[in-house]
Amino acid sequence: MEGLPMQGAKVFGAALVVALLATACLKTEEFPKEPHITFKSYVQSPDSSALTISFTDGDGDIGLDQGDTLAPYNPGSQWYHNFFVDQYKMVNGSWVLQQFTLPLYYRIPVITPTGQNKALQGDITVQISPQVLPPPAPGDTTRFSVRIADRALHESNTVYTGELIAH
């Protein structure tokens, strides 16, 4: 994972296991083939922050293998990553996208279930290290947006955290 902005940022495997276990139930769930996400939580601690979304995907094609580096998943491509986080700062009453040297983008590993029913439902959490984000000044108001993409390049809806006020 050379050259990735993943210093201190990890996709929790436990959250992915929950997604797989959720698909093992006898009841067959049906969801659209495009991923759909909802914001679940954002928890800040002194040494990192955890951002969690819930998701559904009807055909279960969420995630990329480490070897998925040929087009369209090649390094430098917009599809090399499949979990996209952007930070916005409130400036004069408007949300302004913050630009960083390294974007807050991640690769969700493959979580496609085995068996006939490929529908997925679960939670995904990413850890964001404070070394990745510059510390906001006290009183600054920020928020994050999140979206994901599946292997067929279907993009999810975009969700936002609530307003986060720096102390």
C-alpha atoms as a PDB file:
ATOM      1  CA  MET A   1       0.000   0.000   0.000  1.00  0.00           C
ATOM      2  CA  GLU A   2       2.851   2.300  -0.866  1.00  0.00           C
ATOM      3  CA  GLY A   3       2.006   5.912  -1.458  1.00  0.00           C
ATOM      4  CA  LEU A   4      -1.429   5.699   0.096  1.00  0.00           C
ATOM      5  CA  PRO A   5      -2.707   8.215   2.632  1.00  0.00           C
ATOM      6  CA  MET A   6      -3.263   5.404   5.085  1.00  0.00           C
ATOM      7  CA  GLN A   7      -0.746   6.370   7.751  1.00  0.00           C
ATOM      8  CA  GLY A   8      -2.736   5.570  10.836  1.00  0.00           C
ATOM      9  CA  ALA A   9      -5.936   4.923   8.871  1.00  0.00           C
ATOM     10  CA  LYS A  10      -7.359   1.406   8.851  1.00  0.00           C
ATOM     11  CA  VAL A  11     -10.559  -0.194   7.765  1.00  0.00           C
ATOM     12  CA  PHE A  12     -11.647  -2.353  10.662  1.00  0.00           C
ATOM     13  CA  GLY A  13     -11.831  -6.007   9.683  1.00  0.00           C
ATOM     14  CA  ALA A  14     -14.299  -6.618  12.499  1.00  0.00           C
ATOM     15  CA  ALA A  15     -16.835  -4.347  10.838  1.00  0.00           C
ATOM     16  CA  LEU A  16     -16.445  -6.314   7.645  1.00  0.00           C
ATOM     17  CA  VAL A  17     -16.963  -9.589   9.489  1.00  0.00           C
ATOM     18  CA  VAL A  18     -20.231  -8.172  10.825  1.00  0.00           C
ATOM     19  CA  ALA A  19     -21.281  -7.519   7.228  1.00  0.00           C
ATOM     20  CA  LEU A  20     -20.499 -11.089   6.252  1.00  0.00           C
ATOM     21  CA  LEU A  21     -22.306 -12.522   9.258  1.00  0.00           C
ATOM     22  CA  ALA A  22     -25.345 -10.409   8.478  1.00  0.00           C
ATOM     23  CA  THR A  23     -25.547 -12.047   5.057  1.00  0.00           C
ATOM     24  CA  ALA A  24     -25.444 -15.556   6.521  1.00  0.00           C
ATOM     25  CA  CYS A  25     -28.989 -15.303   7.913  1.00  0.00           C
ATOM     26  CA  LEU A  26     -31.685 -17.497   6.410  1.00  0.00           C
ATOM     27  CA  LYS A  27     -33.819 -14.523   5.398  1.00  0.00           C
ATOM     28  CA  THR A  28     -32.898 -13.337   1.893  1.00  0.00           C
ATOM     29  CA  GLU A  29     -32.513  -9.559   1.743  1.00  0.00           C
ATOM     30  CA  GLU A  30     -32.887  -7.678  -1.507  1.00  0.00           C
ATOM     31  CA  PHE A  31     -31.212  -4.325  -2.093  1.00  0.00           C
ATOM     32  CA  PRO A  32     -30.452  -2.253  -5.217  1.00  0.00           C
ATOM     33  CA  LYS A  33     -27.175  -3.156  -6.971  1.00  0.00           C
ATOM     34  CA  GLU A  34     -25.826   0.325  -6.235  1.00  0.00           C
ATOM     35  CA  PRO A  35     -24.396   0.680  -2.739  1.00  0.00           C
ATOM     36  CA  HIS A  36     -26.448   2.779  -0.351  1.00  0.00           C
ATOM     37  CA  ILE A  37     -24.921   4.278   2.799  1.00  0.00           C
ATOM     38  CA  THR A  38     -26.088   6.051   5.933  1.00  0.00           C
ATOM     39  CA  PHE A  39     -23.955   7.951   8.405  1.00  0.00           C
ATOM     40  CA  LYS A  40     -23.680   6.070  11.696  1.00  0.00           C
ATOM     41  CA  SER A  41     -21.106   7.818  13.895  1.00  0.00           C
ATOM     42  CA  TYR A  42     -18.008   9.938  14.218  1.00  0.00           C
ATOM     43  CA  VAL A  43     -16.010   9.549  17.421  1.00  0.00           C
ATOM     44  CA  GLN A  44     -12.976  11.709  18.142  1.00  0.00           C
ATOM     45  CA  SER A  45     -10.282  10.761  20.639  1.00  0.00           C
ATOM     46  CA  PRO A  46      -6.905  12.381  21.356  1.00  0.00           C
ATOM     47  CA  ASP A  47      -4.979   9.941  19.154  1.00  0.00           C
ATOM     48  CA  SER A  48      -7.437   9.257  16.292  1.00  0.00           C
ATOM     49  CA  SER A  49     -10.999   9.521  15.117  1.00  0.00           C
ATOM     50  CA  ALA A  50     -13.357   6.778  13.946  1.00  0.00           C
ATOM     51  CA  LEU A  51     -15.890   7.375  11.193  1.00  0.00           C
ATOM     52  CA  THR A  52     -18.566   4.679  10.728  1.00  0.00           C
ATOM     53  CA  ILE A  53     -21.153   4.233   7.988  1.00  0.00           C
ATOM     54  CA  SER A  54     -23.807   1.574   7.472  1.00  0.00           C
ATOM     55  CA  PHE A  55     -24.243   0.190   3.966  1.00  0.00           C
ATOM     56  CA  THR A  56     -26.284  -2.112   1.755  1.00  0.00           C
ATOM     57  CA  ASP A  57     -25.389  -3.537  -1.647  1.00  0.00           C
ATOM     58  CA  GLY A  58     -27.634  -5.861  -3.633  1.00  0.00           C
ATOM     59  CA  ASP A  59     -25.015  -7.692  -5.679  1.00  0.00           C
ATOM     60  CA  GLY A  60     -22.282  -7.828  -3.020  1.00  0.00           C
ATOM     61  CA  ASP A  61     -19.474  -6.430  -5.128  1.00  0.00           C
ATOM     62  CA  ILE A  62     -18.003  -4.258  -2.393  1.00  0.00           C
ATOM     63  CA  GLY A  63     -14.263  -4.156  -1.920  1.00  0.00           C
ATOM     64  CA  LEU A  64     -10.999  -4.526  -3.795  1.00  0.00           C
ATOM     65  CA  ASP A  65      -8.242  -7.116  -3.449  1.00  0.00           C
ATOM     66  CA  GLN A  66      -4.660  -5.926  -2.959  1.00  0.00           C
ATOM     67  CA  GLY A  67      -3.955  -7.263  -6.444  1.00  0.00           C
ATOM     68  CA  ASP A  68      -6.696  -5.152  -8.023  1.00  0.00           C
ATOM     69  CA  THR A  69      -4.293  -2.659  -9.578  1.00  0.00           C
ATOM     70  CA  LEU A  70      -5.121  -2.916 -13.277  1.00  0.00           C
ATOM     71  CA  ALA A  71      -7.381  -0.335 -14.922  1.00  0.00           C
ATOM     72  CA  PRO A  72      -9.772   0.975 -13.761  1.00  0.00           C
ATOM     73  CA  TYR A  73      -8.368   0.250 -10.267  1.00  0.00           C
ATOM     74  CA  ASN A  74      -4.789   1.262 -11.089  1.00  0.00           C
ATOM     75  CA  PRO A  75      -2.810   3.598  -8.823  1.00  0.00           C
ATOM     76  CA  GLY A  76      -3.517   7.201  -9.750  1.00  0.00           C
ATOM     77  CA  SER A  77      -6.987   6.347 -11.046  1.00  0.00           C
ATOM     78  CA  GLN A  78     -10.056   7.781  -9.336  1.00  0.00           C
ATOM     79  CA  TRP A  79     -11.141   4.138  -8.763  1.00  0.00           C
ATOM     80  CA  TYR A  80      -7.950   2.977  -7.011  1.00  0.00           C
ATOM     81  CA  HIS A  81      -9.798   3.790  -3.781  1.00  0.00           C
ATOM     82  CA  ASN A  82     -13.384   2.853  -3.018  1.00  0.00           C
ATOM     83  CA  PHE A  83     -14.090   4.699   0.271  1.00  0.00           C
ATOM     84  CA  PHE A  84     -13.962   8.464  -0.131  1.00  0.00           C
ATOM     85  CA  VAL A  85     -13.907  10.927   2.771  1.00  0.00           C
ATOM     86  CA  ASP A  86     -13.777  14.690   2.288  1.00  0.00           C
ATOM     87  CA  GLN A  87     -13.576  17.349   4.974  1.00  0.00           C
ATOM     88  CA  TYR A  88     -15.407  20.664   4.779  1.00  0.00           C
ATOM     89  CA  LYS A  89     -14.869  23.775   6.881  1.00  0.00           C
ATOM     90  CA  MET A  90     -17.486  26.436   7.555  1.00  0.00           C
ATOM     91  CA  VAL A  91     -16.156  29.727   6.145  1.00  0.00           C
ATOM     92  CA  ASN A  92     -18.369  32.819   6.208  1.00  0.00           C
ATOM     93  CA  GLY A  93     -21.533  30.699   6.373  1.00  0.00           C
ATOM     94  CA  SER A  94     -20.608  28.306   3.529  1.00  0.00           C
ATOM     95  CA  TRP A  95     -19.062  24.822   3.520  1.00  0.00           C
ATOM     96  CA  VAL A  96     -15.652  24.887   1.807  1.00  0.00           C
ATOM     97  CA  LEU A  97     -13.925  21.662   0.728  1.00  0.00           C
ATOM     98  CA  GLN A  98     -10.540  21.332   2.419  1.00  0.00           C
ATOM     99  CA  GLN A  99      -7.664  20.248   0.188  1.00  0.00           C
ATOM    100  CA  PHE A 100      -4.897  18.114   1.678  1.00  0.00           C
ATOM    101  CA  THR A 101      -1.618  16.874   0.260  1.00  0.00           C
ATOM    102  CA  LEU A 102      -2.914  13.333   0.710  1.00  0.00           C
ATOM    103  CA  PRO A 103      -6.660  12.733   0.285  1.00  0.00           C
ATOM    104  CA  LEU A 104      -8.684  10.849   2.901  1.00  0.00           C
ATOM    105  CA  TYR A 105      -9.415   7.935   0.572  1.00  0.00           C
ATOM    106  CA  TYR A 106      -9.240   4.255   1.478  1.00  0.00           C
ATOM    107  CA  ARG A 107      -9.561   0.775  -0.034  1.00  0.00           C
ATOM    108  CA  ILE A 108     -12.236  -1.456   1.444  1.00  0.00           C
ATOM    109  CA  PRO A 109     -11.106  -5.092   1.137  1.00  0.00           C
ATOM    110  CA  VAL A 110     -13.329  -7.566  -0.702  1.00  0.00           C
ATOM    111  CA  ILE A 111     -16.260  -8.640   1.467  1.00  0.00           C
ATOM    112  CA  THR A 112     -18.390 -10.451  -1.129  1.00  0.00           C
ATOM    113  CA  PRO A 113     -20.233 -13.287   0.596  1.00  0.00           C
ATOM    114  CA  THR A 114     -20.078 -16.855  -0.655  1.00  0.00           C
ATOM    115  CA  GLY A 115     -23.270 -18.617  -1.633  1.00  0.00           C
ATOM    116  CA  GLN A 116     -26.174 -17.698  -3.838  1.00  0.00           C
ATOM    117  CA  ASN A 117     -27.385 -14.581  -1.995  1.00  0.00           C
ATOM    118  CA  LYS A 118     -24.768 -11.858  -2.534  1.00  0.00           C
ATOM    119  CA  ALA A 119     -26.685  -9.040  -0.828  1.00  0.00           C
ATOM    120  CA  LEU A 120     -24.590  -7.236   1.768  1.00  0.00           C
ATOM    121  CA  GLN A 121     -25.554  -5.161   4.767  1.00  0.00           C
ATOM    122  CA  GLY A 122     -23.249  -3.958   7.515  1.00  0.00           C
ATOM    123  CA  ASP A 123     -21.021  -1.251   8.943  1.00  0.00           C
ATOM    124  CA  ILE A 124     -17.621   0.013   7.828  1.00  0.00           C
ATOM    125  CA  THR A 125     -15.364   2.025  10.119  1.00  0.00           C
ATOM    126  CA  VAL A 126     -12.210   3.908   9.158  1.00  0.00           C
ATOM    127  CA  GLN A 127      -9.665   5.248  11.625  1.00  0.00           C
ATOM    128  CA  ILE A 128      -8.351   8.701  10.769  1.00  0.00           C
ATOM    129  CA  SER A 129      -5.028   9.554  12.365  1.00  0.00           C
ATOM    130  CA  PRO A 130      -4.467  13.104  13.640  1.00  0.00           C
ATOM    131  CA  GLN A 131      -1.267  13.149  11.538  1.00  0.00           C
ATOM    132  CA  VAL A 132      -3.463  13.054   8.419  1.00  0.00           C
ATOM    133  CA  LEU A 133      -5.702  15.991   9.351  1.00  0.00           C
ATOM    134  CA  PRO A 134      -4.326  19.329  10.497  1.00  0.00           C
ATOM    135  CA  PRO A 135      -5.784  20.259  13.883  1.00  0.00           C
ATOM    136  CA  PRO A 136      -8.644  22.754  13.631  1.00  0.00           C
ATOM    137  CA  ALA A 137      -8.435  26.002  15.537  1.00  0.00           C
ATOM    138  CA  PRO A 138     -10.708  26.227  18.603  1.00  0.00           C
ATOM    139  CA  GLY A 139     -14.183  27.215  17.456  1.00  0.00           C
ATOM    140  CA  ASP A 140     -13.697  25.971  13.857  1.00  0.00           C
ATOM    141  CA  THR A 141     -16.712  24.120  12.492  1.00  0.00           C
ATOM    142  CA  THR A 142     -16.077  21.182  10.172  1.00  0.00           C
ATOM    143  CA  ARG A 143     -17.898  18.155   8.791  1.00  0.00           C
ATOM    144  CA  PHE A 144     -17.033  15.119   6.686  1.00  0.00           C
ATOM    145  CA  SER A 145     -18.719  13.668   3.619  1.00  0.00           C
ATOM    146  CA  VAL A 146     -18.482   9.977   2.744  1.00  0.00           C
ATOM    147  CA  ARG A 147     -19.293   7.917  -0.339  1.00  0.00           C
ATOM    148  CA  ILE A 148     -18.242   4.478  -1.532  1.00  0.00           C
ATOM    149  CA  ALA A 149     -17.988   2.706  -4.882  1.00  0.00           C
ATOM    150  CA  ASP A 150     -18.374  -0.966  -5.745  1.00  0.00           C
ATOM    151  CA  ARG A 151     -16.312  -2.998  -8.231  1.00  0.00           C
ATOM    152  CA  ALA A 152     -18.806  -2.230 -11.020  1.00  0.00           C
ATOM    153  CA  LEU A 153     -18.029   1.451 -10.325  1.00  0.00           C
ATOM    154  CA  HIS A 154     -21.517   2.157  -9.004  1.00  0.00           C
ATOM    155  CA  GLU A 155     -21.200   5.047  -6.557  1.00  0.00           C
ATOM    156  CA  SER A 156     -23.270   5.285  -3.422  1.00  0.00           C
ATOM    157  CA  ASN A 157     -25.128   8.312  -2.243  1.00  0.00           C
ATOM    158  CA  THR A 158     -23.091  10.848  -0.257  1.00  0.00           C
ATOM    159  CA  VAL A 159     -23.675  11.223   3.483  1.00  0.00           C
ATOM    160  CA  TYR A 160     -22.433  13.888   5.895  1.00  0.00           C
ATOM    161  CA  THR A 161     -21.486  13.941   9.525  1.00  0.00           C
ATOM    162  CA  GLY A 162     -23.086  16.550  11.696  1.00  0.00           C
ATOM    163  CA  GLU A 163     -21.267  19.783  12.430  1.00  0.00           C
ATOM    164  CA  LEU A 164     -18.081  19.226  14.439  1.00  0.00           C
ATOM    165  CA  ILE A 165     -16.942  22.190  16.527  1.00  0.00           C
ATOM    166  CA  ALA A 166     -13.293  22.189  17.616  1.00  0.00           C
ATOM    167  CA  HIS A 167     -12.561  22.790  21.297  1.00  0.00           C
END
